[in-house]
């Protein structure tokens, strides 16, 4: 093919194959991990173990997206072997984040019962920190999110496993595995606990920078757990209200200065908290639309507001493109893309604007191509072709675009 890519280059199709992980690139990355592993110890080694396992999970996700069963089996075996070896290390035995990733890996491979056992064991050994423990919150949030994705409707969700997990988290007691029912009195108590915990966090003033980072992460986990809990026990509007209140509070607390020291304080120094809460909000709306009838407008508005603020967030752009595909009018999306590309130097808006037009072109060509025996009657869609070329031209002239190999490859690929 003329070049080997290390890691990912999976936005382009080459014949029928996706460009994904290459053998040489894969060997290089594995060697890096093995060499680094000998140089680190203690907490750094645990963090490196986590990175390694996340990288393995990214490969499993790739196999799942491409629906390659054979490859998935082989990759699953390798990843599980690595995960077990990492967890055997003395430093990692109580590393909750690593247990969380291992359980997630089992879940992705379709071993739900094994994954639940790992989650339950991790929650059981994690102590009784409850909502004050960031790792415990993060673990419970992922477990509950995965369980919620299995639901086909919200009927009976109040007694689901997800509600049990979130209720137990709020109780701050020892974790007991799900037995098939959740007491309504426990749900009411948990709701009060969540409410007070969130108010405490939003009115808190962190002291040091490190405290701010920890508080920002903890706030995200807490809001995620509380909103999901409300979604399952009350409904979508209750969950959206929590996100709205949190976002409002975080935005309102903007970068203020302490009068005495002149230093900034508060969670607002970490916009990632705001960004992650926004992402949780839009993902929940998308999920709700999948399992029940709900208007598209709240999601569209949330995404456009978020993208104006975070123009380089790829997950938000993917969601935006996904919902725009359902609308027959492209003009609104085009105006939006145009506005965002003018107001930011990020390259993502250009790349996603191009992708959106290419998807539209493909859709129109599929509709126009009527098979009549051996003859394919096709009207070439020149308007869209010219539009895509114009987008490429503008994007490659921007400061970041000039130096982006991916953009040039996509342009050449399109012209070919």
Protein backbone atom coordinates (compact mmCIF):
# COMPACT_ATOMS: atom_id res chain seq x y z
CA UNK A 1 0.00 0.00 0.00
CA UNK A 2 3.03 2.31 0.12
CA UNK A 3 2.92 3.04 3.84
CA UNK A 4 2.45 1.38 7.18
CA UNK A 5 0.46 3.13 9.84
CA UNK A 6 1.15 2.78 13.52
CA UNK A 7 -2.00 2.63 15.62
CA UNK A 8 -5.14 3.99 14.00
CA UNK A 9 -6.02 5.31 10.57
CA UNK A 10 -9.51 3.91 10.49
CA UNK A 11 -11.44 6.77 8.90
CA UNK A 12 -10.67 5.65 5.35
CA UNK A 13 -11.70 2.53 3.51
CA UNK A 14 -9.14 0.76 1.38
CA UNK A 15 -10.94 -1.56 -1.00
CA UNK A 16 -13.16 -3.53 1.38
CA UNK A 17 -10.76 -3.42 4.31
CA UNK A 18 -10.54 -0.83 7.01
CA UNK A 19 -7.10 0.46 7.85
CA UNK A 20 -6.62 -0.53 11.47
CA UNK A 21 -3.82 -1.93 13.60
CA UNK A 22 -0.79 -3.00 11.59
CA UNK A 23 1.50 -5.79 12.67
CA UNK A 24 4.62 -3.58 12.79
CA UNK A 25 2.84 -0.79 14.63
CA UNK A 26 1.37 -3.27 17.09
CA UNK A 27 4.79 -4.80 17.82
CA UNK A 28 6.26 -1.35 18.40
CA UNK A 29 3.53 -0.38 20.89
CA UNK A 30 3.82 -3.69 22.79
CA UNK A 31 7.61 -3.23 23.03
CA UNK A 32 7.15 0.28 24.44
CA UNK A 33 4.84 -1.06 27.17
CA UNK A 34 7.21 -3.93 28.05
CA UNK A 35 10.24 -1.62 28.30
CA UNK A 36 8.41 1.04 30.35
CA UNK A 37 7.02 -1.60 32.67
CA UNK A 38 10.53 -2.39 33.96
CA UNK A 39 11.27 1.28 34.66
CA UNK A 40 8.28 2.14 36.84
CA UNK A 41 7.15 1.10 40.28
CA UNK A 42 4.32 1.82 42.73
CA UNK A 43 1.58 4.18 41.63
CA UNK A 44 3.19 4.99 38.26
CA UNK A 45 3.32 1.30 37.41
CA UNK A 46 -0.37 0.93 38.30
CA UNK A 47 -1.25 3.89 36.05
CA UNK A 48 0.79 2.38 33.22
CA UNK A 49 -1.05 -0.96 33.72
CA UNK A 50 -4.31 0.96 33.35
CA UNK A 51 -3.15 2.60 30.10
CA UNK A 52 -2.08 -0.77 28.73
CA UNK A 53 -5.43 -2.37 29.53
CA UNK A 54 -7.32 0.60 28.02
CA UNK A 55 -5.28 0.15 24.84
CA UNK A 56 -6.21 -3.55 24.72
CA UNK A 57 -9.88 -2.62 25.18
CA UNK A 58 -9.65 -0.18 22.25
CA UNK A 59 -8.63 -3.12 20.02
CA UNK A 60 -11.55 -5.24 21.29
CA UNK A 61 -13.90 -2.34 20.50
CA UNK A 62 -12.45 -2.15 16.99
CA UNK A 63 -13.17 -5.85 16.41
CA UNK A 64 -16.73 -5.35 17.70
CA UNK A 65 -17.35 -2.38 15.40
CA UNK A 66 -16.19 -4.37 12.37
CA UNK A 67 -18.19 -7.45 13.44
CA UNK A 68 -15.16 -9.75 13.07
CA UNK A 69 -15.97 -12.71 15.28
CA UNK A 70 -12.79 -14.74 14.72
CA UNK A 71 -10.55 -11.75 15.36
CA UNK A 72 -12.61 -10.79 18.43
CA UNK A 73 -12.13 -14.25 19.94
CA UNK A 74 -8.36 -14.17 19.46
CA UNK A 75 -8.05 -10.57 20.65
CA UNK A 76 -10.29 -11.32 23.65
CA UNK A 77 -8.04 -14.20 24.73
CA UNK A 78 -4.90 -12.03 24.51
CA UNK A 79 -6.48 -9.09 26.33
CA UNK A 80 -7.89 -11.26 29.14
CA UNK A 81 -4.52 -12.95 29.64
CA UNK A 82 -2.83 -9.56 29.94
CA UNK A 83 -5.52 -8.23 32.32
CA UNK A 84 -5.15 -11.24 34.63
CA UNK A 85 -1.35 -10.91 34.65
CA UNK A 86 -1.58 -7.21 35.47
CA UNK A 87 -4.03 -7.84 38.31
CA UNK A 88 -1.71 -10.48 39.82
CA UNK A 89 0.92 -7.81 40.55
CA UNK A 90 0.92 -6.97 44.31
CA UNK A 91 0.51 -3.20 43.65
CA UNK A 92 -2.56 -3.77 41.48
CA UNK A 93 -4.60 -6.11 43.64
CA UNK A 94 -6.54 -3.27 45.25
CA UNK A 95 -6.42 -0.95 42.22
CA UNK A 96 -10.16 -0.39 41.66
CA UNK A 97 -9.74 1.33 38.27
CA UNK A 98 -7.93 -1.73 36.93
CA UNK A 99 -10.65 -4.08 38.23
CA UNK A 100 -13.20 -1.78 36.59
CA UNK A 101 -11.43 -2.06 33.22
CA UNK A 102 -11.16 -5.84 33.54
CA UNK A 103 -14.89 -6.15 34.25
CA UNK A 104 -15.60 -3.86 31.26
CA UNK A 105 -13.43 -6.08 29.05
CA UNK A 106 -15.41 -9.19 30.09
CA UNK A 107 -18.64 -7.29 29.39
CA UNK A 108 -17.52 -6.28 25.89
CA UNK A 109 -16.60 -9.88 25.13
CA UNK A 110 -20.17 -10.88 25.97
CA UNK A 111 -19.35 -12.67 29.25
CA UNK A 112 -21.99 -10.78 31.25
CA UNK A 113 -22.10 -13.17 34.21
CA UNK A 114 -18.31 -13.13 34.58
CA UNK A 115 -18.28 -9.34 34.27
CA UNK A 116 -20.97 -9.02 36.97
CA UNK A 117 -18.97 -11.28 39.27
CA UNK A 118 -15.87 -9.09 38.81
CA UNK A 119 -17.89 -5.89 39.38
CA UNK A 120 -19.58 -7.36 42.48
CA UNK A 121 -16.26 -8.61 43.90
CA UNK A 122 -14.59 -5.23 43.29
CA UNK A 123 -17.49 -3.36 44.91
CA UNK A 124 -17.47 -5.79 47.84
CA UNK A 125 -13.75 -5.31 48.53
CA UNK A 126 -13.77 -1.54 47.90
CA UNK A 127 -14.82 -0.62 51.42
CA UNK A 128 -17.63 1.67 52.53
CA UNK A 129 -16.54 5.06 51.26
CA UNK A 130 -19.86 5.54 49.45
CA UNK A 131 -20.29 8.80 47.56
CA UNK A 132 -17.07 10.20 49.09
CA UNK A 133 -14.87 7.64 47.32
CA UNK A 134 -14.11 8.74 43.71
CA UNK A 135 -13.03 5.26 42.59
CA UNK A 136 -16.10 3.59 44.08
CA UNK A 137 -18.39 6.15 42.39
CA UNK A 138 -16.64 5.67 39.05
CA UNK A 139 -16.89 1.86 39.32
CA UNK A 140 -20.59 1.96 40.27
CA UNK A 141 -21.36 4.45 37.48
CA UNK A 142 -19.86 2.25 34.75
CA UNK A 143 -21.55 -0.89 36.14
CA UNK A 144 -24.94 0.87 36.30
CA UNK A 145 -24.52 2.38 32.79
CA UNK A 146 -23.78 -1.05 31.29
CA UNK A 147 -26.80 -2.56 33.05
CA UNK A 148 -29.06 0.28 31.85
CA UNK A 149 -28.00 -0.34 28.23
CA UNK A 150 -29.53 -3.82 28.50
CA UNK A 151 -32.97 -2.36 29.33
CA UNK A 152 -35.50 -2.41 26.51
CA UNK A 153 -37.87 0.03 28.20
CA UNK A 154 -38.22 1.93 31.48
CA UNK A 155 -41.02 -0.33 32.71
CA UNK A 156 -39.90 -2.03 35.88
CA UNK A 157 -36.59 -0.15 35.85
CA UNK A 158 -37.12 0.85 39.52
CA UNK A 159 -36.33 -2.70 40.63
CA UNK A 160 -33.49 -3.26 38.14
CA UNK A 161 -29.91 -4.19 38.96
CA UNK A 162 -28.74 -0.67 38.02
CA UNK A 163 -30.97 0.91 40.70
CA UNK A 164 -29.67 -1.64 43.23
CA UNK A 165 -26.05 -0.64 42.44
CA UNK A 166 -26.76 3.10 42.72
CA UNK A 167 -28.82 2.66 45.90
CA UNK A 168 -26.08 0.61 47.57
CA UNK A 169 -23.52 3.27 46.64
CA UNK A 170 -25.56 5.96 48.42
CA UNK A 171 -25.98 3.78 51.53
CA UNK A 172 -22.19 3.76 52.18
CA UNK A 173 -22.50 0.27 53.67
CA UNK A 174 -20.92 -3.03 52.56
CA UNK A 175 -22.01 -3.99 49.04
CA UNK A 176 -24.44 -6.89 48.70
CA UNK A 177 -24.96 -8.46 45.22
CA UNK A 178 -28.35 -7.99 43.53
CA UNK A 179 -31.04 -10.43 44.67
CA UNK A 180 -33.84 -9.45 42.28
CA UNK A 181 -35.58 -6.66 44.18
CA UNK A 182 -35.00 -3.12 45.46
CA UNK A 183 -36.96 -1.76 48.45
CA UNK A 184 -38.74 1.52 47.77
CA UNK A 185 -37.76 2.86 51.21
CA UNK A 186 -34.07 2.42 50.23
CA UNK A 187 -34.72 4.30 46.98
CA UNK A 188 -36.19 7.26 48.90
CA UNK A 189 -33.27 7.33 51.34
CA UNK A 190 -30.76 7.14 48.48
CA UNK A 191 -32.43 10.05 46.65
CA UNK A 192 -32.05 12.27 49.75
CA UNK A 193 -28.39 11.22 50.15
CA UNK A 194 -27.61 12.04 46.50
CA UNK A 195 -29.35 15.40 46.75
CA UNK A 196 -27.37 16.48 49.83
CA UNK A 197 -24.07 15.15 48.44
CA UNK A 198 -24.50 17.10 45.18
CA UNK A 199 -25.37 20.33 47.03
CA UNK A 200 -22.31 19.91 49.24
CA UNK A 201 -20.04 19.43 46.24
CA UNK A 202 -21.41 22.39 44.32
CA UNK A 203 -21.00 24.74 47.28
CA UNK A 204 -17.50 23.50 48.15
CA UNK A 205 -14.32 25.56 47.61
CA UNK A 206 -11.27 23.36 46.97
CA UNK A 207 -7.99 24.43 48.56
CA UNK A 208 -5.14 23.17 46.39
CA UNK A 209 -4.87 22.45 42.67
CA UNK A 210 -4.77 18.72 43.32
CA UNK A 211 -7.98 19.01 45.35
CA UNK A 212 -9.58 20.75 42.39
CA UNK A 213 -8.67 17.90 40.02
CA UNK A 214 -10.02 15.29 42.46
CA UNK A 215 -13.17 17.30 43.14
CA UNK A 216 -13.81 17.84 39.43
CA UNK A 217 -13.57 14.07 38.79
CA UNK A 218 -15.69 13.27 41.80
CA UNK A 219 -18.35 15.80 40.84
CA UNK A 220 -18.67 14.22 37.37
CA UNK A 221 -19.10 10.73 38.85
CA UNK A 222 -21.59 11.97 41.44
CA UNK A 223 -23.70 13.85 38.88
CA UNK A 224 -23.60 10.81 36.56
CA UNK A 225 -24.77 8.44 39.31
CA UNK A 226 -27.48 10.80 40.63
CA UNK A 227 -28.87 11.60 37.15
CA UNK A 228 -28.94 7.91 36.16
CA UNK A 229 -30.64 7.08 39.47
CA UNK A 230 -33.31 9.75 38.85
CA UNK A 231 -33.74 8.59 35.25
CA UNK A 232 -34.51 5.03 36.36
CA UNK A 233 -36.68 5.91 39.37
CA UNK A 234 -38.48 9.09 38.23
CA UNK A 235 -37.92 9.67 34.51
CA UNK A 236 -35.93 11.52 31.85
CA UNK A 237 -37.07 15.01 32.89
CA UNK A 238 -35.76 14.52 36.45
CA UNK A 239 -32.37 13.44 35.08
CA UNK A 240 -32.16 16.36 32.62
CA UNK A 241 -32.97 18.75 35.49
CA UNK A 242 -29.90 17.58 37.45
CA UNK A 243 -27.64 18.09 34.44
CA UNK A 244 -29.15 21.54 33.84
CA UNK A 245 -28.65 22.59 37.49
CA UNK A 246 -25.07 21.32 37.56
CA UNK A 247 -24.10 22.99 34.28
CA UNK A 248 -25.72 26.24 35.39
CA UNK A 249 -23.86 26.16 38.70
CA UNK A 250 -20.49 25.33 37.08
CA UNK A 251 -20.91 28.07 34.45
CA UNK A 252 -22.10 30.64 37.01
CA UNK A 253 -19.12 30.01 39.26
CA UNK A 254 -16.87 31.16 36.31
CA UNK A 255 -13.20 31.95 37.01
CA UNK A 256 -13.47 34.18 40.07
CA UNK A 257 -10.52 35.71 41.89
CA UNK A 258 -9.95 35.55 45.62
CA UNK A 259 -9.79 39.15 46.82
CA UNK A 260 -6.86 38.54 49.18
CA UNK A 261 -4.59 36.26 47.16
CA UNK A 262 -5.70 37.07 43.61
CA UNK A 263 -5.82 33.33 42.84
CA UNK A 264 -8.63 31.61 40.99
CA UNK A 265 -10.60 29.00 42.87
CA UNK A 266 -13.41 26.53 42.31
CA UNK A 267 -14.05 23.63 39.97
CA UNK A 268 -14.40 25.98 37.00
CA UNK A 269 -10.61 25.84 36.53
CA UNK A 270 -11.20 22.38 35.12
CA UNK A 271 -13.46 22.80 32.10
CA UNK A 272 -13.14 19.04 31.58
CA UNK A 273 -15.73 18.61 34.35
CA UNK A 274 -18.18 20.75 32.40
CA UNK A 275 -17.37 18.94 29.18
CA UNK A 276 -17.80 15.48 30.69
CA UNK A 277 -21.11 16.38 32.35
CA UNK A 278 -22.32 17.68 28.97
CA UNK A 279 -21.29 14.40 27.35
CA UNK A 280 -23.17 12.36 29.99
CA UNK A 281 -26.23 14.54 29.38
CA UNK A 282 -26.25 14.10 25.58
CA UNK A 283 -25.52 10.36 25.83
CA UNK A 284 -28.48 9.85 28.18
CA UNK A 285 -30.80 11.76 25.80
CA UNK A 286 -29.59 9.62 22.88
CA UNK A 287 -30.17 6.42 24.84
CA UNK A 288 -33.65 7.54 25.91
CA UNK A 289 -34.61 8.29 22.30
CA UNK A 290 -33.52 4.77 21.38
CA UNK A 291 -35.80 3.02 23.87
CA UNK A 292 -38.83 5.36 23.86
CA UNK A 293 -40.56 8.15 21.95
CA UNK A 294 -38.96 11.52 22.71
CA UNK A 295 -38.56 14.74 20.68
CA UNK A 296 -35.24 15.35 18.91
CA UNK A 297 -35.04 19.05 19.74
CA UNK A 298 -33.69 18.84 23.34
CA UNK A 299 -30.79 16.69 22.11
CA UNK A 300 -30.10 18.93 19.11
CA UNK A 301 -30.07 22.05 21.30
CA UNK A 302 -27.82 20.44 23.92
CA UNK A 303 -25.36 19.33 21.22
CA UNK A 304 -25.20 22.68 19.41
CA UNK A 305 -24.62 24.54 22.69
CA UNK A 306 -21.94 22.07 23.74
CA UNK A 307 -20.13 22.12 20.39
CA UNK A 308 -19.91 25.90 20.38
CA UNK A 309 -18.08 25.57 23.69
CA UNK A 310 -16.06 22.43 22.93
CA UNK A 311 -15.45 22.45 19.17
CA UNK A 312 -12.78 19.73 19.36
CA UNK A 313 -14.84 17.09 21.19
CA UNK A 314 -15.13 14.18 18.77
CA UNK A 315 -17.83 12.28 20.70
CA UNK A 316 -20.14 15.30 20.58
CA UNK A 317 -19.53 15.75 16.83
CA UNK A 318 -20.30 12.05 16.21
CA UNK A 319 -23.60 12.41 18.04
CA UNK A 320 -24.38 15.61 16.11
CA UNK A 321 -23.73 13.97 12.73
CA UNK A 322 -25.77 10.95 13.78
CA UNK A 323 -28.87 13.03 14.51
CA UNK A 324 -28.39 15.25 11.44
CA UNK A 325 -28.53 12.18 9.20
CA UNK A 326 -32.17 11.80 10.20
CA UNK A 327 -33.09 15.29 8.99
CA UNK A 328 -33.76 15.93 5.31
CA UNK A 329 -32.65 19.55 5.40
CA UNK A 330 -28.90 20.07 5.35
CA UNK A 331 -28.95 23.87 5.47
CA UNK A 332 -29.24 24.17 9.28
CA UNK A 333 -26.29 21.84 9.88
CA UNK A 334 -24.24 23.60 7.18
CA UNK A 335 -24.84 27.01 8.78
CA UNK A 336 -23.84 25.57 12.14
CA UNK A 337 -20.63 24.00 10.79
CA UNK A 338 -19.81 27.25 9.03
CA UNK A 339 -20.27 29.25 12.24
CA UNK A 340 -18.11 26.89 14.31
CA UNK A 341 -15.26 26.71 11.77
CA UNK A 342 -15.09 30.51 11.66
CA UNK A 343 -14.88 30.85 15.44
CA UNK A 344 -12.24 28.20 16.24
CA UNK A 345 -8.83 26.93 15.10
CA UNK A 346 -9.75 23.31 15.87
CA UNK A 347 -9.60 20.97 12.93
CA UNK A 348 -12.39 18.66 14.12
CA UNK A 349 -15.27 20.85 12.84
CA UNK A 350 -13.76 20.75 9.33
CA UNK A 351 -13.22 16.98 9.41
CA UNK A 352 -16.75 16.31 10.63
CA UNK A 353 -18.30 18.82 8.19
CA UNK A 354 -16.57 16.91 5.37
CA UNK A 355 -17.70 13.57 6.78
CA UNK A 356 -21.32 14.78 7.05
CA UNK A 357 -21.35 15.87 3.39
CA UNK A 358 -19.74 12.61 2.26
CA UNK A 359 -22.41 10.63 4.08
CA UNK A 360 -25.10 12.76 2.44
CA UNK A 361 -23.50 12.16 -0.97
CA UNK A 362 -23.41 8.41 -0.39
CA UNK A 363 -27.06 8.40 0.70
CA UNK A 364 -28.20 10.35 -2.39
CA UNK A 365 -26.19 8.10 -4.72
CA UNK A 366 -27.72 4.98 -3.16
CA UNK A 367 -31.21 6.39 -3.62
CA UNK A 368 -30.59 7.43 -7.22
CA UNK A 369 -28.97 4.18 -8.30
CA UNK A 370 -31.80 2.02 -9.57
CA UNK A 371 -30.71 -1.45 -10.70
CA UNK A 372 -32.26 -2.40 -14.02
CA UNK A 373 -30.64 -5.61 -15.16
CA UNK A 374 -27.09 -4.78 -16.22
CA UNK A 375 -27.69 -1.04 -16.53
CA UNK A 376 -27.08 1.33 -13.60
CA UNK A 377 -28.80 4.64 -14.16
CA UNK A 378 -26.96 7.19 -12.04
CA UNK A 379 -27.21 10.96 -12.03
CA UNK A 380 -23.88 12.21 -10.66
CA UNK A 381 -24.37 14.48 -7.65
CA UNK A 382 -21.98 17.26 -8.81
CA UNK A 383 -23.31 19.89 -6.40
CA UNK A 384 -22.26 17.89 -3.37
CA UNK A 385 -18.93 16.90 -4.95
CA UNK A 386 -18.07 20.57 -5.52
CA UNK A 387 -19.16 21.41 -2.00
CA UNK A 388 -16.93 18.70 -0.49
CA UNK A 389 -13.95 19.84 -2.58
CA UNK A 390 -14.53 23.43 -1.42
CA UNK A 391 -14.58 22.23 2.20
CA UNK A 392 -11.32 20.35 1.68
CA UNK A 393 -9.75 23.44 0.07
CA UNK A 394 -10.73 25.68 2.98
CA UNK A 395 -9.69 23.10 5.57
CA UNK A 396 -6.23 22.54 4.04
CA UNK A 397 -5.69 26.31 3.94
CA UNK A 398 -6.30 26.67 7.70
CA UNK A 399 -3.20 26.72 9.92
CA UNK A 400 -3.81 23.30 11.52
CA UNK A 401 -5.18 21.75 8.34
CA UNK A 402 -2.01 22.43 6.34
CA UNK A 403 -0.06 20.15 8.70
CA UNK A 404 -2.65 17.38 9.06
CA UNK A 405 -1.66 14.22 7.11
CA UNK A 406 -5.11 12.68 7.70
CA UNK A 407 -6.85 15.62 6.01
CA UNK A 408 -4.58 15.44 2.94
CA UNK A 409 -5.06 11.66 2.70
CA UNK A 410 -8.84 12.07 2.91
CA UNK A 411 -8.70 14.75 0.19
CA UNK A 412 -6.60 12.56 -2.13
CA UNK A 413 -8.83 9.58 -1.38
CA UNK A 414 -11.94 11.60 -2.27
CA UNK A 415 -10.47 12.90 -5.53
CA UNK A 416 -9.46 9.38 -6.56
